[in-house]
Amino acid sequence: MSGLRKSFGDHEVLKGIDLSVEEGEVFALIGPNGAGKTTTVHILSTLVRPDAGRARVGGFDLLREADGVRDVISLTGQYAAVDGLLTGRENLEMMSRLGGLSRSESRRRTAQLLERFDLGQASGRRVRTYSGGMRRRLDIAISLVTRPRVLFLDEPTTGLDPCSRSAVWDFVRELADDGVTILLTTQYLEEADRLADRVAVVDDGVIAASGTSEQLKAQIGSSRLDVGFHDGEVESYPTDGSVAGVHGALTRVLSDPREAQSVDLRSPSLDDVFLALIGHASAQHTSDHTSAQQSTTRKAHTS
C-alpha cells in the first residue's frame, strides 16, 4: 500500500500510510487507541474507501478489483461476530453455506474447524453459553470457512484471559504455518513480539517505524538500565550493554540529584520502542494494557 489517507469529517485518521506485507508473513500493526490501525484494516478489507492512495491485496487492486480482494480475504473484527442463539455448529454451517459451500461441503468443513479449534464437545451448545475465549475461537474459525489467503485479525485477544489468549496465539501460528498471510492489529506488545515476523508502529495516522521486533529494539540501544529512585520514579537509560556503556549510564544516574535505590540491566522491549517513538503517555497506556492482560490469524501479498 502507498499513500493511504482517510478522514472522517474534519478528523484526518490516516495521513499517508506506506506499507508492504510479504507473502506468507505475520505482520503486526501496533499503536495506541486512535492511531489508525483499525481504519487501515477496514480499508484493506474493502469496508471503507480511502480518500487517497493505492494498494494491492492478494494480487488484486484494492479499488479496481474489490470483488477479487473479497474473494481471497477474511476479517475477524474486534468483537466476536457470532449468533448467540445458534449453536457453534450451526454458526459454522450457516457461514459455510453463505460462503458458497454445498450442504455436504459445509458439514465437512464445519467438522474440520470444530476439531481444529477444540470446539467439538461444545458444538451443540448455544453460543451465548460460551466463554469469551470460546467465542473468539469460534469467530476465528468462522473467518476460515472459505480458506482465505489473507486474514485480517483486528485485536483478536482483547479481553481474553491469559490461557485463552495463549490458545489464540497457537492458532495464529498454525494458520501462518499453513500459508495464510496475516495482518494483525494489537495493543498488546507481547502479542506482537511473540507472533509477528515484522511490526509497524502506527501513531497519529502515520508509520513511525517498521521492521522486525529485534530491529525496532536495536534502534533504542541493545540494553536498558532501569533505575528506581527514592521518590518512587523509575527511569530507563539506554546502553550498548558493554562495561563502558553501563559505566556511562551509571555516571548519568549518579549525577541525578535524586537518590537511586535500585538498578536493573535488561534487554529492550517493545514497550521501550513505544516510549522512544510515541511518547511516554501513549506508551504507558499500552504498557499498562499489556500488564493487565498478563495478569487476569501465508499465501498472498499485500502491498
Protein backbone atom coordinates (compact mmCIF):
# COMPACT_ATOMS: atom_id res chain seq x y z
CA MET A 1 0.00 0.00 0.00
CA SER A 2 1.17 3.50 -0.67
CA GLY A 3 -0.07 6.90 0.49
CA LEU A 4 -3.31 5.72 2.09
CA ARG A 5 -5.26 8.63 3.50
CA LYS A 6 -8.62 8.77 5.21
CA SER A 7 -10.58 11.46 7.01
CA PHE A 8 -13.86 11.31 8.85
CA GLY A 9 -15.29 14.80 8.78
CA ASP A 10 -12.55 17.17 9.85
CA HIS A 11 -10.55 14.44 11.54
CA GLU A 12 -7.71 13.03 9.41
CA VAL A 13 -7.23 9.48 10.65
CA LEU A 14 -4.67 8.27 8.08
CA LYS A 15 -2.10 10.78 6.84
CA GLY A 16 -0.26 8.70 4.23
CA ILE A 17 0.32 5.06 5.20
CA ASP A 18 3.06 3.28 3.24
CA LEU A 19 3.40 -0.41 3.99
CA SER A 20 4.38 -3.69 2.37
CA VAL A 21 3.46 -7.11 3.75
CA GLU A 22 5.28 -10.04 2.25
CA GLU A 23 3.57 -13.21 1.08
CA GLY A 24 3.30 -15.72 3.90
CA GLU A 25 4.08 -13.23 6.65
CA VAL A 26 2.54 -12.41 10.00
CA PHE A 27 2.64 -8.63 10.18
CA ALA A 28 1.55 -6.66 13.23
CA LEU A 29 0.31 -3.09 13.44
CA ILE A 30 0.76 -1.75 16.95
CA GLY A 31 -0.14 1.63 18.35
CA PRO A 32 -2.35 3.46 20.83
CA ASN A 33 -6.10 3.89 20.51
CA GLY A 34 -6.98 6.19 17.61
CA ALA A 35 -3.65 5.68 15.82
CA GLY A 36 -5.34 4.40 12.63
CA LYS A 37 -4.82 0.64 12.91
CA THR A 38 -8.45 -0.43 12.54
CA THR A 39 -9.11 2.13 9.78
CA THR A 40 -6.18 0.67 7.83
CA VAL A 41 -7.63 -2.83 8.19
CA HIS A 42 -11.11 -1.64 7.19
CA ILE A 43 -9.69 -0.03 4.04
CA LEU A 44 -7.64 -3.10 3.07
CA SER A 45 -10.66 -5.36 3.64
CA THR A 46 -12.84 -3.09 1.39
CA LEU A 47 -15.15 -1.98 4.19
CA VAL A 48 -14.01 1.64 3.92
CA ARG A 49 -12.88 3.50 0.78
CA PRO A 50 -9.69 5.54 1.15
CA ASP A 51 -9.63 9.23 0.26
CA ALA A 52 -6.27 8.81 -1.47
CA GLY A 53 -3.54 6.23 -2.05
CA ARG A 54 -3.35 2.79 -3.62
CA ALA A 55 -2.99 -0.80 -2.51
CA ARG A 56 -2.96 -4.36 -3.78
CA VAL A 57 -4.25 -7.21 -1.64
CA GLY A 58 -3.68 -10.81 -2.70
CA GLY A 59 -2.61 -9.53 -6.12
CA PHE A 60 -5.78 -7.51 -6.67
CA ASP A 61 -6.07 -3.74 -6.92
CA LEU A 62 -7.98 -2.55 -3.87
CA LEU A 63 -10.20 -0.06 -5.74
CA ARG A 64 -10.49 -1.50 -9.28
CA GLU A 65 -10.74 -5.18 -8.26
CA ALA A 66 -12.53 -5.05 -4.93
CA ASP A 67 -14.51 -8.23 -5.65
CA GLY A 68 -11.25 -10.08 -6.24
CA VAL A 69 -9.92 -8.80 -2.93
CA ARG A 70 -13.02 -10.03 -1.12
CA ASP A 71 -12.60 -13.48 -2.67
CA VAL A 72 -9.20 -14.01 -1.03
CA ILE A 73 -9.54 -12.32 2.35
CA SER A 74 -11.30 -12.78 5.63
CA LEU A 75 -11.66 -10.43 8.56
CA THR A 76 -12.05 -11.08 12.26
CA GLY A 77 -13.01 -7.85 13.94
CA GLN A 78 -12.54 -6.64 17.48
CA TYR A 79 -15.82 -8.16 18.66
CA ALA A 80 -16.93 -11.74 18.06
CA ALA A 81 -19.46 -11.74 15.19
CA VAL A 82 -21.33 -14.87 16.19
CA ASP A 83 -25.03 -15.58 16.78
CA GLY A 84 -25.56 -16.39 20.41
CA LEU A 85 -28.92 -18.07 19.77
CA LEU A 86 -27.35 -20.66 17.43
CA THR A 87 -25.04 -23.47 18.41
CA GLY A 88 -21.38 -23.40 17.46
CA ARG A 89 -22.01 -25.97 14.73
CA GLU A 90 -24.99 -24.00 13.37
CA ASN A 91 -22.92 -20.81 13.22
CA LEU A 92 -20.21 -22.53 11.20
CA GLU A 93 -22.61 -24.35 8.87
CA MET A 94 -24.56 -21.15 8.21
CA MET A 95 -21.43 -19.18 7.33
CA SER A 96 -20.13 -22.06 5.18
CA ARG A 97 -23.35 -22.07 3.13
CA LEU A 98 -23.23 -18.27 2.82
CA GLY A 99 -19.63 -18.69 1.64
CA GLY A 100 -20.82 -20.83 -1.28
CA LEU A 101 -20.17 -24.33 0.02
CA SER A 102 -22.65 -27.11 -0.69
CA ARG A 103 -24.52 -28.73 2.18
CA SER A 104 -22.13 -31.70 2.29
CA GLU A 105 -19.05 -29.47 1.92
CA SER A 106 -20.36 -27.25 4.68
CA ARG A 107 -20.73 -30.18 7.04
CA ARG A 108 -17.20 -31.43 6.29
CA ARG A 109 -15.65 -28.00 6.71
CA THR A 110 -17.57 -27.40 9.92
CA ALA A 111 -16.35 -30.69 11.37
CA GLN A 112 -12.74 -29.82 10.44
CA LEU A 113 -12.91 -26.41 12.07
CA LEU A 114 -14.64 -27.62 15.22
CA GLU A 115 -11.85 -30.14 15.71
CA ARG A 116 -9.07 -27.70 14.90
CA PHE A 117 -10.33 -25.08 17.31
CA ASP A 118 -11.16 -27.57 20.06
CA LEU A 119 -14.87 -26.80 19.98
CA GLY A 120 -16.21 -30.28 19.23
CA GLN A 121 -17.59 -31.01 22.67
CA ALA A 122 -19.34 -27.64 22.81
CA SER A 123 -20.58 -27.69 19.19
CA GLY A 124 -24.17 -28.48 20.21
CA ARG A 125 -24.41 -25.72 22.81
CA ARG A 126 -25.82 -22.29 22.10
CA VAL A 127 -23.02 -19.79 21.69
CA ARG A 128 -24.47 -17.50 24.33
CA THR A 129 -23.27 -20.08 26.87
CA TYR A 130 -19.67 -19.95 25.57
CA SER A 131 -16.84 -18.27 27.43
CA GLY A 132 -15.10 -15.28 25.87
CA GLY A 133 -12.22 -17.45 24.69
CA MET A 134 -14.54 -19.99 23.10
CA ARG A 135 -16.49 -17.25 21.31
CA ARG A 136 -13.23 -15.79 19.99
CA ARG A 137 -12.03 -19.21 18.77
CA LEU A 138 -15.38 -19.74 17.04
CA ASP A 139 -15.15 -16.28 15.46
CA ILE A 140 -11.70 -17.06 14.02
CA ALA A 141 -12.94 -20.46 12.84
CA ILE A 142 -15.82 -18.75 11.01
CA SER A 143 -13.33 -16.48 9.25
CA LEU A 144 -11.61 -19.59 7.86
CA VAL A 145 -14.58 -21.42 6.36
CA THR A 146 -13.56 -20.39 2.81
CA ARG A 147 -9.79 -20.84 3.36
CA PRO A 148 -8.66 -17.22 2.85
CA ARG A 149 -5.22 -16.36 1.50
CA VAL A 150 -5.11 -13.18 3.59
CA LEU A 151 -6.54 -12.95 7.09
CA PHE A 152 -7.07 -9.68 8.96
CA LEU A 153 -7.19 -10.00 12.73
CA ASP A 154 -8.21 -6.80 14.47
CA GLU A 155 -7.20 -7.04 18.13
CA PRO A 156 -8.13 -10.75 18.33
CA THR A 157 -7.33 -11.31 22.01
CA THR A 158 -8.79 -8.18 23.60
CA GLY A 159 -10.46 -9.09 26.87
CA LEU A 160 -9.32 -12.72 26.94
CA ASP A 161 -7.76 -14.37 29.96
CA PRO A 162 -4.10 -15.49 29.64
CA CYS A 163 -4.95 -19.13 28.86
CA SER A 164 -7.43 -18.20 26.11
CA ARG A 165 -5.03 -15.64 24.72
CA SER A 166 -2.23 -18.20 24.55
CA ALA A 167 -4.56 -20.63 22.75
CA VAL A 168 -5.42 -17.98 20.13
CA TRP A 169 -1.69 -17.32 19.66
CA ASP A 170 -1.14 -21.01 18.94
CA PHE A 171 -3.94 -21.00 16.36
CA VAL A 172 -2.49 -17.91 14.65
CA ARG A 173 0.93 -19.56 14.34
CA GLU A 174 -0.69 -22.72 12.94
CA LEU A 175 -2.53 -20.65 10.33
CA ALA A 176 0.70 -18.93 9.35
CA ASP A 177 2.44 -22.32 9.07
CA ASP A 178 -0.39 -23.39 6.74
CA GLY A 179 0.43 -20.48 4.42
CA VAL A 180 -2.10 -17.84 5.43
CA THR A 181 -0.82 -14.27 5.29
CA ILE A 182 -1.91 -12.48 8.44
CA LEU A 183 -2.22 -8.78 9.19
CA LEU A 184 -2.71 -8.37 12.92
CA THR A 185 -3.54 -5.28 14.91
CA THR A 186 -2.92 -5.26 18.62
CA GLN A 187 -2.25 -3.07 21.61
CA TYR A 188 -0.56 -5.94 23.42
CA LEU A 189 3.14 -5.58 22.80
CA GLU A 190 3.95 -9.10 23.96
CA GLU A 191 1.47 -10.40 21.36
CA ALA A 192 3.26 -8.60 18.53
CA ASP A 193 6.64 -9.74 19.87
CA ARG A 194 5.53 -13.37 20.03
CA LEU A 195 3.57 -13.65 16.76
CA ALA A 196 4.81 -11.18 14.16
CA ASP A 197 7.58 -11.64 11.62
CA ARG A 198 7.60 -7.86 11.29
CA VAL A 199 6.00 -5.00 13.18
CA ALA A 200 4.93 -1.47 12.23
CA VAL A 201 4.36 1.19 14.86
CA VAL A 202 1.38 3.37 13.91
CA ASP A 203 0.97 6.73 15.57
CA ASP A 204 -1.31 9.62 14.64
CA GLY A 205 -2.09 8.19 11.18
CA VAL A 206 1.47 7.51 10.04
CA ILE A 207 4.03 4.71 10.31
CA ALA A 208 6.50 5.79 12.95
CA ALA A 209 8.81 2.80 12.38
CA SER A 210 8.75 -0.73 10.99
CA GLY A 211 10.94 -3.80 10.98
CA THR A 212 11.43 -6.98 12.92
CA SER A 213 10.91 -6.77 16.64
CA GLU A 214 14.66 -7.04 17.19
CA GLN A 215 15.39 -4.30 14.64
CA LEU A 216 13.00 -1.95 16.37
CA LYS A 217 14.51 -2.71 19.75
CA ALA A 218 18.02 -2.15 18.39
CA GLN A 219 17.08 1.40 17.39
CA ILE A 220 16.94 2.40 21.04
CA GLY A 221 20.04 0.56 22.27
CA SER A 222 20.94 -3.05 22.90
CA SER A 223 20.19 -2.81 26.63
CA ARG A 224 18.37 -0.64 29.13
CA LEU A 225 19.39 0.32 32.63
CA ASP A 226 16.25 0.67 34.74
CA VAL A 227 16.84 2.80 37.80
CA GLY A 228 14.45 3.11 40.71
CA PHE A 229 14.68 6.35 42.66
CA HIS A 230 13.81 7.11 46.26
CA ASP A 231 10.77 9.15 45.14
CA GLY A 232 9.25 6.05 43.52
CA GLU A 233 10.03 7.05 39.93
CA VAL A 234 11.65 4.52 37.55
CA GLU A 235 13.66 5.73 34.57
CA SER A 236 15.39 3.85 31.75
CA TYR A 237 18.85 4.69 30.42
CA PRO A 238 19.95 3.29 27.04
CA THR A 239 23.25 1.46 26.88
CA ASP A 240 25.02 -0.91 24.47
CA GLY A 241 25.49 -3.40 27.29
CA SER A 242 29.27 -3.10 27.39
CA VAL A 243 31.17 -2.32 30.59
CA ALA A 244 31.91 1.17 29.28
CA GLY A 245 28.29 1.68 28.25
CA VAL A 246 26.96 0.60 31.63
CA HIS A 247 29.55 2.78 33.36
CA GLY A 248 28.43 5.78 31.32
CA ALA A 249 24.78 5.14 32.17
CA LEU A 250 25.63 4.81 35.87
CA THR A 251 27.55 8.07 35.72
CA ARG A 252 24.40 9.79 34.46
CA VAL A 253 22.43 8.16 37.25
CA LEU A 254 24.86 9.38 39.90
CA SER A 255 24.65 12.90 38.56
CA ASP A 256 20.90 12.95 39.23
CA PRO A 257 20.12 14.81 42.47
CA ARG A 258 17.57 12.15 43.40
CA GLU A 259 18.70 9.16 45.39
CA ALA A 260 18.87 5.93 43.34
CA GLN A 261 17.54 2.87 45.19
CA SER A 262 17.77 0.04 42.64
CA VAL A 263 19.37 -0.77 39.28
CA ASP A 264 18.32 -3.44 36.76
CA LEU A 265 20.13 -4.12 33.46
CA ARG A 266 17.83 -5.67 30.84
CA SER A 267 17.32 -6.05 27.09
CA PRO A 268 14.97 -3.51 25.47
CA SER A 269 11.32 -4.41 24.87
CA LEU A 270 8.63 -3.14 22.53
CA ASP A 271 7.44 -1.06 25.48
CA ASP A 272 10.74 0.80 25.21
CA VAL A 273 10.17 1.27 21.48
CA PHE A 274 6.83 2.89 22.32
CA LEU A 275 8.45 5.13 24.87
CA ALA A 276 11.04 6.24 22.34
CA LEU A 277 8.83 6.60 19.25
CA ILE A 278 5.43 7.65 20.52
CA GLY A 279 5.96 9.32 23.85
CA HIS A 280 5.55 8.46 27.47
CA ALA A 281 1.78 8.93 27.83
CA SER A 282 0.76 6.72 24.90
CA ALA A 283 3.41 4.14 25.66
CA GLN A 284 2.50 3.93 29.32
CA HIS A 285 -1.16 3.35 28.39
CA THR A 286 -0.17 0.46 26.12
CA SER A 287 2.29 -0.94 28.65
CA ASP A 288 -0.34 -0.88 31.38
CA HIS A 289 -2.81 -2.52 28.97
CA THR A 290 -0.27 -5.30 28.35
CA SER A 291 0.41 -5.83 32.04
CA ALA A 292 -3.28 -6.03 32.85
CA GLN A 293 -3.79 -8.64 30.14
CA GLN A 294 -0.86 -10.66 31.51
CA SER A 295 -2.34 -10.71 34.96
CA THR A 296 -6.05 -11.55 34.76
CA THR A 297 -4.73 -15.38 12.33
CA ARG A 298 0.73 -17.43 4.26
CA LYS A 299 -0.21 -17.21 0.69
CA ALA A 300 -0.88 -13.72 -0.54
CA HIS A 301 0.87 -10.46 -0.99
CA THR A 302 -0.38 -7.23 0.49
CA SER A 303 1.40 -4.07 -0.57
